[in-house]
Amino acid sequence: MLLQKYAQEKLERSNSVILHGCKLASQLSNRGNRWEIIGAVWVEMLCHAASQCSGSRAGPEFSET
């Protein structure tokens, strides 16, 4: 029991993508509001991608010609 608790706490402190994916899969399988969770994840990913991209890359596509 104590070993399981230690292992769980160690996993909770981890920042691995696999761990986050497992947590997300668990949330999606246990809830009826899957689309809200999926939408929130997409918004988070898009915001992160936008913050990592310089404005000069998208600028020419949206500028007037």
N, C-alpha and C. Protein backbone atom coordinates (compact mmCIF):
# COMPACT_ATOMS: atom_id res chain seq x y z
N MET A 1 0.83 -1.19 0.00
CA MET A 1 0.00 0.00 0.00
C MET A 1 0.87 1.25 0.00
N LEU A 2 1.86 1.30 0.87
CA LEU A 2 2.73 2.47 0.95
C LEU A 2 3.54 2.63 -0.32
N LEU A 3 3.99 1.52 -0.89
CA LEU A 3 4.75 1.57 -2.13
C LEU A 3 3.90 2.09 -3.28
N GLN A 4 2.64 1.68 -3.33
CA GLN A 4 1.74 2.17 -4.37
C GLN A 4 1.52 3.67 -4.24
N LYS A 5 1.37 4.14 -3.00
CA LYS A 5 1.17 5.58 -2.78
C LYS A 5 2.40 6.36 -3.23
N TYR A 6 3.60 5.86 -2.90
CA TYR A 6 4.84 6.52 -3.31
C TYR A 6 4.94 6.56 -4.83
N ALA A 7 4.64 5.44 -5.47
CA ALA A 7 4.70 5.37 -6.93
C ALA A 7 3.71 6.34 -7.55
N GLN A 8 2.51 6.43 -6.98
CA GLN A 8 1.49 7.34 -7.50
C GLN A 8 1.94 8.79 -7.35
N GLU A 9 2.49 9.15 -6.19
CA GLU A 9 2.96 10.52 -5.97
C GLU A 9 4.10 10.86 -6.92
N LYS A 10 4.98 9.91 -7.15
CA LYS A 10 6.09 10.13 -8.07
C LYS A 10 5.57 10.36 -9.48
N LEU A 11 4.57 9.59 -9.89
CA LEU A 11 3.98 9.77 -11.21
C LEU A 11 3.28 11.11 -11.33
N GLU A 12 2.61 11.55 -10.26
CA GLU A 12 1.89 12.81 -10.32
C GLU A 12 2.83 13.99 -10.49
N ARG A 13 4.05 13.87 -10.00
CA ARG A 13 5.01 14.96 -10.14
C ARG A 13 5.70 14.95 -11.49
N SER A 14 5.55 13.89 -12.23
CA SER A 14 6.21 13.76 -13.53
C SER A 14 5.53 14.67 -14.55
N ASN A 15 6.29 15.14 -15.51
CA ASN A 15 5.75 15.98 -16.57
C ASN A 15 5.78 15.27 -17.92
N SER A 16 5.75 13.96 -17.92
CA SER A 16 5.87 13.24 -19.18
C SER A 16 4.59 13.35 -20.00
N VAL A 17 4.76 13.35 -21.30
CA VAL A 17 3.64 13.42 -22.21
C VAL A 17 2.77 12.19 -22.08
N ILE A 18 3.39 11.04 -21.87
CA ILE A 18 2.63 9.80 -21.72
C ILE A 18 1.72 9.86 -20.51
N LEU A 19 2.23 10.38 -19.40
CA LEU A 19 1.41 10.50 -18.20
C LEU A 19 0.23 11.42 -18.43
N HIS A 20 0.48 12.57 -19.06
CA HIS A 20 -0.62 13.49 -19.34
C HIS A 20 -1.64 12.85 -20.29
N GLY A 21 -1.16 12.08 -21.26
CA GLY A 21 -2.07 11.39 -22.16
C GLY A 21 -2.93 10.36 -21.45
N CYS A 22 -2.33 9.65 -20.51
CA CYS A 22 -3.09 8.67 -19.72
C CYS A 22 -4.14 9.35 -18.86
N LYS A 23 -3.77 10.46 -18.25
CA LYS A 23 -4.74 11.20 -17.43
C LYS A 23 -5.89 11.70 -18.28
N LEU A 24 -5.58 12.22 -19.46
CA LEU A 24 -6.62 12.71 -20.36
C LEU A 24 -7.53 11.57 -20.81
N ALA A 25 -6.95 10.44 -21.15
CA ALA A 25 -7.76 9.28 -21.56
C ALA A 25 -8.68 8.84 -20.43
N SER A 26 -8.19 8.88 -19.21
CA SER A 26 -9.01 8.51 -18.06
C SER A 26 -10.17 9.49 -17.90
N GLN A 27 -9.89 10.77 -18.05
CA GLN A 27 -10.95 11.77 -17.92
C GLN A 27 -11.99 11.60 -19.02
N LEU A 28 -11.54 11.31 -20.23
CA LEU A 28 -12.48 11.15 -21.34
C LEU A 28 -13.35 9.92 -21.18
N SER A 29 -12.81 8.86 -20.62
CA SER A 29 -13.60 7.64 -20.48
C SER A 29 -14.56 7.71 -19.30
N ASN A 30 -14.31 8.58 -18.35
CA ASN A 30 -15.14 8.66 -17.16
C ASN A 30 -16.21 9.75 -17.22
N ARG A 31 -16.18 10.59 -18.21
CA ARG A 31 -17.10 11.73 -18.22
C ARG A 31 -17.96 11.72 -19.47
N GLY A 32 -19.10 12.37 -19.35
CA GLY A 32 -19.99 12.52 -20.49
C GLY A 32 -19.67 13.75 -21.31
N ASN A 33 -18.86 14.65 -20.78
CA ASN A 33 -18.56 15.89 -21.48
C ASN A 33 -17.25 15.79 -22.25
N ARG A 34 -17.12 14.78 -23.05
CA ARG A 34 -15.88 14.53 -23.79
C ARG A 34 -15.53 15.66 -24.74
N TRP A 35 -16.54 16.17 -25.44
CA TRP A 35 -16.26 17.19 -26.44
C TRP A 35 -15.77 18.49 -25.81
N GLU A 36 -16.24 18.80 -24.61
CA GLU A 36 -15.74 19.99 -23.92
C GLU A 36 -14.27 19.81 -23.55
N ILE A 37 -13.91 18.61 -23.08
CA ILE A 37 -12.52 18.34 -22.72
C ILE A 37 -11.65 18.37 -23.97
N ILE A 38 -12.10 17.74 -25.04
CA ILE A 38 -11.33 17.73 -26.29
C ILE A 38 -11.16 19.15 -26.80
N GLY A 39 -12.22 19.95 -26.75
CA GLY A 39 -12.14 21.35 -27.18
C GLY A 39 -11.15 22.14 -26.36
N ALA A 40 -11.15 21.94 -25.05
CA ALA A 40 -10.23 22.65 -24.17
C ALA A 40 -8.78 22.27 -24.47
N VAL A 41 -8.55 20.99 -24.75
CA VAL A 41 -7.19 20.55 -25.09
C VAL A 41 -6.74 21.18 -26.40
N TRP A 42 -7.62 21.23 -27.39
CA TRP A 42 -7.26 21.84 -28.67
C TRP A 42 -6.96 23.32 -28.51
N VAL A 43 -7.76 24.02 -27.74
CA VAL A 43 -7.51 25.45 -27.51
C VAL A 43 -6.16 25.64 -26.84
N GLU A 44 -5.86 24.81 -25.86
CA GLU A 44 -4.58 24.90 -25.17
C GLU A 44 -3.42 24.65 -26.13
N MET A 45 -3.56 23.65 -27.00
CA MET A 45 -2.49 23.35 -27.95
C MET A 45 -2.32 24.48 -28.97
N LEU A 46 -3.43 25.03 -29.46
CA LEU A 46 -3.34 26.13 -30.42
C LEU A 46 -2.73 27.38 -29.81
N CYS A 47 -3.10 27.68 -28.57
CA CYS A 47 -2.52 28.84 -27.88
C CYS A 47 -1.02 28.64 -27.67
N HIS A 48 -0.62 27.45 -27.31
CA HIS A 48 0.81 27.17 -27.13
C HIS A 48 1.55 27.32 -28.46
N ALA A 49 0.98 26.77 -29.53
CA ALA A 49 1.63 26.87 -30.84
C ALA A 49 1.72 28.32 -31.29
N ALA A 50 0.67 29.09 -31.05
CA ALA A 50 0.68 30.51 -31.44
C ALA A 50 1.72 31.29 -30.65
N SER A 51 1.91 30.95 -29.40
CA SER A 51 2.88 31.68 -28.59
C SER A 51 4.31 31.35 -28.99
N GLN A 52 4.52 30.22 -29.66
CA GLN A 52 5.85 29.81 -30.08
C GLN A 52 6.21 30.29 -31.49
N CYS A 53 5.23 30.83 -32.20
CA CYS A 53 5.42 31.24 -33.58
C CYS A 53 5.61 32.75 -33.65
N SER A 54 6.54 33.19 -34.48
CA SER A 54 6.72 34.63 -34.64
C SER A 54 5.64 35.17 -35.57
N GLY A 55 5.27 36.40 -35.37
CA GLY A 55 4.23 37.02 -36.19
C GLY A 55 4.61 37.17 -37.64
N SER A 56 5.89 37.21 -37.94
CA SER A 56 6.34 37.39 -39.33
C SER A 56 6.01 36.19 -40.20
N ARG A 57 5.79 35.04 -39.60
CA ARG A 57 5.49 33.85 -40.40
C ARG A 57 4.07 33.88 -40.94
N ALA A 58 3.12 34.40 -40.16
CA ALA A 58 1.73 34.42 -40.59
C ALA A 58 1.36 35.75 -41.21
N GLY A 59 2.16 36.76 -41.01
CA GLY A 59 1.85 38.10 -41.49
C GLY A 59 1.57 38.20 -42.97
N PRO A 60 2.43 37.69 -43.84
CA PRO A 60 2.19 37.83 -45.28
C PRO A 60 0.89 37.18 -45.74
N GLU A 61 0.44 36.15 -45.08
CA GLU A 61 -0.78 35.47 -45.49
C GLU A 61 -2.02 36.29 -45.18
N PHE A 62 -1.95 37.16 -44.18
CA PHE A 62 -3.12 37.92 -43.76
C PHE A 62 -3.04 39.40 -44.14
N SER A 63 -1.96 39.81 -44.72
CA SER A 63 -1.81 41.23 -45.06
C SER A 63 -2.52 41.53 -46.37
N GLU A 64 -2.85 42.82 -46.54
CA GLU A 64 -3.50 43.24 -47.77
C GLU A 64 -2.47 43.31 -48.88
N THR A 65 -2.90 43.00 -50.09
CA THR A 65 -1.97 43.06 -51.22
C THR A 65 -2.28 44.22 -52.12
